[in-house]
C-alpha cells in the first residue's frame, strides 16, 4: 500500500472440524480476495505465513488491486498454548474474501472456550 499502514483484517477462530484436537483454524476476511478455480491458491494476492516461535505468527496478504496494492497484516503475539515445530502449518483460500490459516498444535486439545471466541492470554 505504499506509505499507508497495513489494514487490520476481521478474524474468526474455530477448531478445525476435521481434526479439532490437532489444528486451530483462523478465518481471516480479506475483501476482494479471489480464489483460483482449481485448488486453494489466491488468484489476485500473495500470501505469507511466518511462524515466529512456538506461540506467535504473522499472516501477510498483499492484495493486487488497482490503482495500488493493499496490504493486510494479522499478527498474534501470544497464543494460549504452543505450536508444533513441524512444517504442518499452512493456509488455504477456501472461498472468496477469506483465507484460512491452519496452525498445528504441539499438544492435542481444544483452545477455544466457545466457537469463534479465542481464549484470551493477554495483549495481542
N, C-alpha and C. Protein backbone atom coordinates (compact mmCIF):
# COMPACT_ATOMS: atom_id res chain seq x y z
N UNK A 1 0.80 -1.19 0.00
CA UNK A 1 0.00 0.00 0.00
C UNK A 1 0.84 1.25 0.00
N UNK A 2 2.08 1.12 -0.17
CA UNK A 2 2.92 2.29 -0.22
C UNK A 2 3.19 2.86 1.15
N UNK A 3 2.85 4.15 1.36
CA UNK A 3 3.15 4.85 2.60
C UNK A 3 2.10 4.65 3.69
N UNK A 4 1.00 4.00 3.40
CA UNK A 4 -0.07 3.86 4.38
C UNK A 4 0.15 2.62 5.24
N UNK A 5 -0.52 2.60 6.39
CA UNK A 5 -0.42 1.48 7.33
C UNK A 5 -1.12 0.24 6.76
N UNK A 6 -0.63 -0.95 7.13
CA UNK A 6 -1.33 -2.18 6.72
C UNK A 6 -2.74 -2.20 7.33
N UNK A 7 -3.65 -2.87 6.66
CA UNK A 7 -5.03 -2.96 7.09
C UNK A 7 -5.17 -4.14 8.05
N UNK A 8 -5.88 -3.93 9.16
CA UNK A 8 -6.14 -5.00 10.12
C UNK A 8 -7.40 -5.74 9.66
N UNK A 9 -7.30 -7.02 9.31
CA UNK A 9 -8.47 -7.76 8.82
C UNK A 9 -9.39 -8.20 9.94
N UNK A 10 -10.60 -8.62 9.58
CA UNK A 10 -11.55 -9.22 10.52
C UNK A 10 -11.16 -10.69 10.67
N UNK A 11 -11.12 -11.19 11.91
CA UNK A 11 -10.60 -12.52 12.19
C UNK A 11 -11.61 -13.32 13.01
N UNK A 12 -11.73 -14.62 12.72
CA UNK A 12 -12.63 -15.52 13.43
C UNK A 12 -11.89 -16.82 13.68
N UNK A 13 -11.92 -17.31 14.91
CA UNK A 13 -11.22 -18.54 15.29
C UNK A 13 -12.19 -19.71 15.43
N UNK A 14 -11.78 -20.89 14.93
CA UNK A 14 -12.54 -22.12 15.13
C UNK A 14 -11.56 -23.28 15.24
N UNK A 15 -11.93 -24.32 16.00
CA UNK A 15 -11.13 -25.54 15.96
C UNK A 15 -11.44 -26.22 14.63
N UNK A 16 -10.43 -26.80 13.99
CA UNK A 16 -10.60 -27.46 12.70
C UNK A 16 -11.64 -28.56 12.82
N UNK A 17 -12.67 -28.53 11.98
CA UNK A 17 -13.76 -29.51 12.06
C UNK A 17 -13.29 -30.94 11.81
N UNK A 18 -12.32 -31.11 10.94
CA UNK A 18 -11.86 -32.47 10.62
C UNK A 18 -10.85 -33.00 11.63
N UNK A 19 -10.15 -32.12 12.35
CA UNK A 19 -9.13 -32.55 13.32
C UNK A 19 -8.98 -31.50 14.43
N UNK A 20 -10.04 -31.29 15.25
CA UNK A 20 -10.03 -30.19 16.23
C UNK A 20 -9.00 -30.34 17.34
N UNK A 21 -8.55 -31.54 17.62
CA UNK A 21 -7.56 -31.75 18.67
C UNK A 21 -6.15 -31.33 18.23
N UNK A 22 -5.90 -31.33 16.92
CA UNK A 22 -4.56 -31.07 16.40
C UNK A 22 -4.39 -29.73 15.69
N UNK A 23 -5.48 -29.12 15.22
CA UNK A 23 -5.36 -27.88 14.44
C UNK A 23 -6.33 -26.81 14.92
N UNK A 24 -5.85 -25.58 14.92
CA UNK A 24 -6.69 -24.41 15.12
C UNK A 24 -6.81 -23.72 13.77
N UNK A 25 -8.04 -23.37 13.39
CA UNK A 25 -8.27 -22.64 12.14
C UNK A 25 -8.54 -21.18 12.47
N UNK A 26 -7.90 -20.31 11.72
CA UNK A 26 -8.12 -18.88 11.87
C UNK A 26 -8.62 -18.37 10.53
N UNK A 27 -9.88 -17.95 10.50
CA UNK A 27 -10.52 -17.46 9.28
C UNK A 27 -10.33 -15.95 9.23
N UNK A 28 -9.72 -15.48 8.16
CA UNK A 28 -9.38 -14.06 8.04
C UNK A 28 -10.05 -13.48 6.80
N UNK A 29 -10.90 -12.49 7.02
CA UNK A 29 -11.62 -11.84 5.92
C UNK A 29 -10.73 -10.83 5.22
N UNK A 30 -10.60 -11.00 3.91
CA UNK A 30 -9.83 -10.07 3.07
C UNK A 30 -10.76 -9.65 1.92
N UNK A 31 -11.46 -8.51 2.05
CA UNK A 31 -12.38 -8.09 1.00
C UNK A 31 -11.67 -7.96 -0.35
N UNK A 32 -12.23 -8.58 -1.38
CA UNK A 32 -11.66 -8.52 -2.72
C UNK A 32 -10.76 -9.70 -3.05
N UNK A 33 -10.43 -10.54 -2.08
CA UNK A 33 -9.59 -11.71 -2.36
C UNK A 33 -10.37 -12.71 -3.21
N UNK A 34 -9.71 -13.20 -4.25
CA UNK A 34 -10.34 -14.19 -5.13
C UNK A 34 -9.53 -15.48 -5.11
N UNK A 35 -10.25 -16.59 -5.23
CA UNK A 35 -9.66 -17.93 -5.24
C UNK A 35 -9.51 -18.39 -6.69
N UNK A 36 -8.40 -19.11 -6.96
CA UNK A 36 -8.26 -19.72 -8.28
C UNK A 36 -9.33 -20.78 -8.45
N UNK A 37 -9.69 -21.08 -9.69
CA UNK A 37 -10.76 -22.05 -9.96
C UNK A 37 -10.42 -23.44 -9.43
N UNK A 38 -9.16 -23.82 -9.50
CA UNK A 38 -8.73 -25.14 -9.04
C UNK A 38 -7.76 -24.96 -7.88
N UNK A 39 -7.97 -25.71 -6.82
CA UNK A 39 -7.05 -25.65 -5.68
C UNK A 39 -7.44 -24.58 -4.68
N UNK A 40 -6.49 -24.23 -3.83
CA UNK A 40 -6.73 -23.30 -2.73
C UNK A 40 -5.81 -22.09 -2.75
N UNK A 41 -5.29 -21.74 -3.90
CA UNK A 41 -4.37 -20.61 -4.04
C UNK A 41 -5.15 -19.34 -4.40
N UNK A 42 -4.59 -18.16 -4.08
CA UNK A 42 -5.26 -16.91 -4.43
C UNK A 42 -5.06 -16.57 -5.91
N UNK A 43 -6.06 -15.94 -6.50
CA UNK A 43 -5.96 -15.51 -7.89
C UNK A 43 -5.38 -14.11 -8.01
N UNK A 44 -5.49 -13.30 -6.95
CA UNK A 44 -5.08 -11.90 -7.06
C UNK A 44 -4.31 -11.41 -5.82
N UNK A 45 -3.53 -12.30 -5.20
CA UNK A 45 -2.80 -11.89 -4.00
C UNK A 45 -1.58 -12.77 -3.77
N UNK A 46 -0.70 -12.26 -2.92
CA UNK A 46 0.43 -13.04 -2.41
C UNK A 46 0.20 -13.19 -0.92
N UNK A 47 0.37 -14.42 -0.41
CA UNK A 47 0.11 -14.70 1.00
C UNK A 47 1.37 -15.29 1.61
N UNK A 48 1.72 -14.77 2.81
CA UNK A 48 2.91 -15.25 3.51
C UNK A 48 2.56 -15.52 4.96
N UNK A 49 2.83 -16.74 5.43
CA UNK A 49 2.61 -17.12 6.82
C UNK A 49 3.97 -17.35 7.47
N UNK A 50 4.24 -16.61 8.55
CA UNK A 50 5.50 -16.76 9.28
C UNK A 50 5.20 -17.20 10.70
N UNK A 51 5.80 -18.31 11.12
CA UNK A 51 5.73 -18.76 12.49
C UNK A 51 6.99 -18.23 13.16
N UNK A 52 6.84 -17.35 14.15
CA UNK A 52 8.00 -16.68 14.76
C UNK A 52 8.64 -17.51 15.87
N UNK A 53 7.83 -18.13 16.68
CA UNK A 53 8.30 -19.01 17.74
C UNK A 53 7.17 -19.97 18.05
N UNK A 54 7.20 -20.64 19.16
CA UNK A 54 6.17 -21.63 19.42
C UNK A 54 4.83 -21.05 19.86
N UNK A 55 4.72 -19.71 19.96
CA UNK A 55 3.45 -19.12 20.38
C UNK A 55 3.04 -17.87 19.60
N UNK A 56 3.71 -17.55 18.49
CA UNK A 56 3.31 -16.37 17.73
C UNK A 56 3.48 -16.58 16.22
N UNK A 57 2.70 -15.82 15.46
CA UNK A 57 2.76 -15.91 14.00
C UNK A 57 2.28 -14.60 13.39
N UNK A 58 2.60 -14.43 12.11
CA UNK A 58 2.11 -13.29 11.33
C UNK A 58 1.65 -13.79 9.96
N UNK A 59 0.49 -13.33 9.54
CA UNK A 59 0.00 -13.60 8.18
C UNK A 59 -0.05 -12.26 7.46
N UNK A 60 0.58 -12.21 6.28
CA UNK A 60 0.56 -11.01 5.45
C UNK A 60 -0.07 -11.36 4.11
N UNK A 61 -1.04 -10.56 3.70
CA UNK A 61 -1.70 -10.73 2.40
C UNK A 61 -1.53 -9.44 1.62
N UNK A 62 -0.88 -9.52 0.47
CA UNK A 62 -0.76 -8.37 -0.42
C UNK A 62 -1.77 -8.59 -1.54
N UNK A 63 -2.84 -7.83 -1.49
CA UNK A 63 -3.94 -7.94 -2.45
C UNK A 63 -3.63 -7.02 -3.63
N UNK A 64 -3.57 -7.60 -4.82
CA UNK A 64 -3.26 -6.82 -6.03
C UNK A 64 -4.53 -6.17 -6.55
N UNK A 65 -4.65 -4.87 -6.29
CA UNK A 65 -5.82 -4.10 -6.71
C UNK A 65 -5.36 -2.87 -7.47
N UNK A 66 -6.28 -2.25 -8.17
CA UNK A 66 -5.98 -1.01 -8.88
C UNK A 66 -6.54 0.14 -8.08
N UNK A 67 -5.88 1.23 -7.94
CA UNK A 67 -4.65 1.62 -8.61
C UNK A 67 -3.39 1.13 -7.91
N UNK A 68 -3.50 0.65 -6.64
CA UNK A 68 -2.30 0.16 -5.95
C UNK A 68 -2.67 -1.05 -5.09
N UNK A 69 -1.64 -1.78 -4.71
CA UNK A 69 -1.84 -2.96 -3.87
C UNK A 69 -2.28 -2.56 -2.46
N UNK A 70 -3.04 -3.45 -1.80
CA UNK A 70 -3.44 -3.27 -0.42
C UNK A 70 -2.79 -4.37 0.40
N UNK A 71 -2.23 -4.02 1.56
CA UNK A 71 -1.57 -5.00 2.42
C UNK A 71 -2.38 -5.20 3.69
N UNK A 72 -2.70 -6.46 3.97
CA UNK A 72 -3.39 -6.85 5.20
C UNK A 72 -2.41 -7.63 6.05
N UNK A 73 -2.34 -7.31 7.34
CA UNK A 73 -1.43 -8.00 8.24
C UNK A 73 -2.19 -8.41 9.49
N UNK A 74 -2.05 -9.68 9.87
CA UNK A 74 -2.58 -10.15 11.14
C UNK A 74 -1.44 -10.79 11.91
N UNK A 75 -1.22 -10.28 13.13
CA UNK A 75 -0.13 -10.78 13.96
C UNK A 75 -0.68 -11.17 15.32
N UNK A 76 -0.37 -12.37 15.76
CA UNK A 76 -0.73 -12.82 17.10
C UNK A 76 0.55 -13.06 17.87
N UNK A 77 0.75 -12.29 18.95
CA UNK A 77 2.00 -12.37 19.72
C UNK A 77 2.02 -13.52 20.71
N UNK A 78 0.84 -13.87 21.23
CA UNK A 78 0.83 -14.89 22.27
C UNK A 78 -0.40 -15.78 22.15
N UNK A 79 -0.21 -16.98 21.67
CA UNK A 79 -1.28 -17.97 21.59
C UNK A 79 -1.46 -18.62 22.96
N UNK A 80 -2.63 -19.22 23.23
CA UNK A 80 -2.87 -19.80 24.55
C UNK A 80 -2.06 -21.06 24.85
N UNK A 81 -1.48 -21.67 23.83
CA UNK A 81 -0.65 -22.86 24.03
C UNK A 81 0.40 -22.88 22.92
N UNK A 82 1.25 -23.87 22.91
CA UNK A 82 2.37 -23.89 21.97
C UNK A 82 1.99 -24.53 20.63
N UNK A 83 2.71 -24.08 19.61
CA UNK A 83 2.57 -24.64 18.27
C UNK A 83 3.60 -25.74 18.07
N UNK A 84 3.27 -26.68 17.21
CA UNK A 84 4.22 -27.73 16.85
C UNK A 84 5.39 -27.11 16.08
N UNK A 85 6.54 -27.75 16.15
CA UNK A 85 7.73 -27.22 15.47
C UNK A 85 7.89 -27.81 14.08
N UNK A 86 6.91 -28.52 13.59
CA UNK A 86 7.00 -29.14 12.27
C UNK A 86 6.54 -28.15 11.18
N UNK A 87 6.45 -28.63 9.99
CA UNK A 87 6.08 -27.80 8.84
C UNK A 87 4.61 -28.00 8.45
N UNK A 88 3.76 -28.39 9.37
CA UNK A 88 2.36 -28.67 9.05
C UNK A 88 1.46 -27.44 9.11
N UNK A 89 2.00 -26.28 9.47
CA UNK A 89 1.22 -25.04 9.45
C UNK A 89 1.02 -24.64 7.98
N UNK A 90 -0.19 -24.23 7.63
CA UNK A 90 -0.44 -23.85 6.24
C UNK A 90 -1.68 -22.96 6.17
N UNK A 91 -1.98 -22.50 4.97
CA UNK A 91 -3.15 -21.67 4.72
C UNK A 91 -3.82 -22.12 3.43
N UNK A 92 -5.11 -21.77 3.30
CA UNK A 92 -5.88 -22.05 2.08
C UNK A 92 -6.84 -20.90 1.83
N UNK A 93 -7.05 -20.59 0.56
CA UNK A 93 -8.14 -19.69 0.18
C UNK A 93 -9.29 -20.63 -0.18
N UNK A 94 -10.26 -20.75 0.72
CA UNK A 94 -11.34 -21.72 0.53
C UNK A 94 -12.55 -21.11 -0.18
N UNK A 95 -12.70 -19.79 -0.05
CA UNK A 95 -13.81 -19.11 -0.72
C UNK A 95 -13.43 -17.66 -0.94
N UNK A 96 -14.23 -16.96 -1.70
CA UNK A 96 -14.00 -15.55 -1.98
C UNK A 96 -13.92 -14.75 -0.68
N UNK A 97 -12.99 -13.83 -0.60
CA UNK A 97 -12.83 -12.90 0.52
C UNK A 97 -12.33 -13.53 1.82
N UNK A 98 -11.79 -14.77 1.79
CA UNK A 98 -11.36 -15.38 3.04
C UNK A 98 -10.16 -16.30 2.85
N UNK A 99 -9.18 -16.15 3.74
CA UNK A 99 -8.05 -17.08 3.81
C UNK A 99 -8.16 -17.76 5.17
N UNK A 100 -7.91 -19.08 5.20
CA UNK A 100 -7.98 -19.84 6.43
C UNK A 100 -6.57 -20.34 6.76
N UNK A 101 -6.10 -20.00 7.97
CA UNK A 101 -4.79 -20.43 8.45
C UNK A 101 -5.00 -21.65 9.34
N UNK A 102 -4.20 -22.69 9.11
CA UNK A 102 -4.25 -23.90 9.93
C UNK A 102 -2.97 -23.98 10.75
N UNK A 103 -3.11 -23.86 12.07
CA UNK A 103 -1.96 -23.93 12.97
C UNK A 103 -1.96 -25.30 13.65
N UNK A 104 -0.83 -25.99 13.54
CA UNK A 104 -0.68 -27.32 14.12
C UNK A 104 -0.28 -27.18 15.59
N UNK A 105 -1.08 -27.75 16.48
CA UNK A 105 -0.85 -27.64 17.92
C UNK A 105 0.24 -28.62 18.36
N UNK A 106 1.05 -28.20 19.32
CA UNK A 106 2.11 -29.06 19.84
C UNK A 106 1.52 -30.22 20.65
N UNK A 107 0.47 -29.94 21.40
CA UNK A 107 -0.20 -31.00 22.16
C UNK A 107 -1.68 -30.97 21.80
N UNK A 108 -2.28 -32.15 21.79
CA UNK A 108 -3.70 -32.25 21.44
C UNK A 108 -4.56 -31.54 22.47
N UNK A 109 -5.64 -30.97 21.99
CA UNK A 109 -6.59 -30.31 22.88
C UNK A 109 -7.29 -29.17 22.20
N UNK A 110 -8.38 -28.70 22.81
CA UNK A 110 -9.14 -27.58 22.27
C UNK A 110 -8.64 -26.28 22.88
N UNK A 111 -8.52 -25.24 22.08
CA UNK A 111 -8.04 -23.94 22.54
C UNK A 111 -9.16 -22.94 22.72
N UNK A 112 -10.35 -23.30 22.34
CA UNK A 112 -11.45 -22.34 22.35
C UNK A 112 -12.44 -22.64 23.47
N UNK A 113 -12.88 -21.59 24.17
CA UNK A 113 -13.88 -21.77 25.21
C UNK A 113 -15.27 -21.92 24.59
N UNK A 114 -15.56 -21.14 23.56
CA UNK A 114 -16.80 -21.26 22.79
C UNK A 114 -16.43 -21.01 21.34
N UNK A 115 -17.17 -21.60 20.39
CA UNK A 115 -16.82 -21.40 18.97
C UNK A 115 -16.70 -19.93 18.60
N UNK A 116 -15.62 -19.61 17.92
CA UNK A 116 -15.39 -18.25 17.45
C UNK A 116 -14.79 -17.32 18.48
N UNK A 117 -14.64 -17.78 19.71
CA UNK A 117 -14.11 -16.93 20.79
C UNK A 117 -12.76 -17.48 21.21
N UNK A 118 -11.72 -16.71 20.97
CA UNK A 118 -10.37 -17.14 21.27
C UNK A 118 -10.08 -17.00 22.76
N UNK A 119 -9.41 -17.96 23.34
CA UNK A 119 -9.01 -17.86 24.74
C UNK A 119 -8.01 -16.72 24.88
N UNK A 120 -8.36 -15.74 25.66
CA UNK A 120 -7.50 -14.57 25.84
C UNK A 120 -6.29 -14.91 26.72
N UNK A 121 -5.14 -14.45 26.31
CA UNK A 121 -3.91 -14.70 27.07
C UNK A 121 -3.12 -13.42 27.29
N UNK A 122 -3.76 -12.30 27.22
CA UNK A 122 -3.06 -11.03 27.35
C UNK A 122 -3.18 -10.26 26.05
N UNK A 123 -2.28 -9.32 25.86
CA UNK A 123 -2.37 -8.48 24.66
C UNK A 123 -1.92 -9.24 23.43
N UNK A 124 -2.45 -8.81 22.28
CA UNK A 124 -2.06 -9.39 21.00
C UNK A 124 -0.65 -8.98 20.70
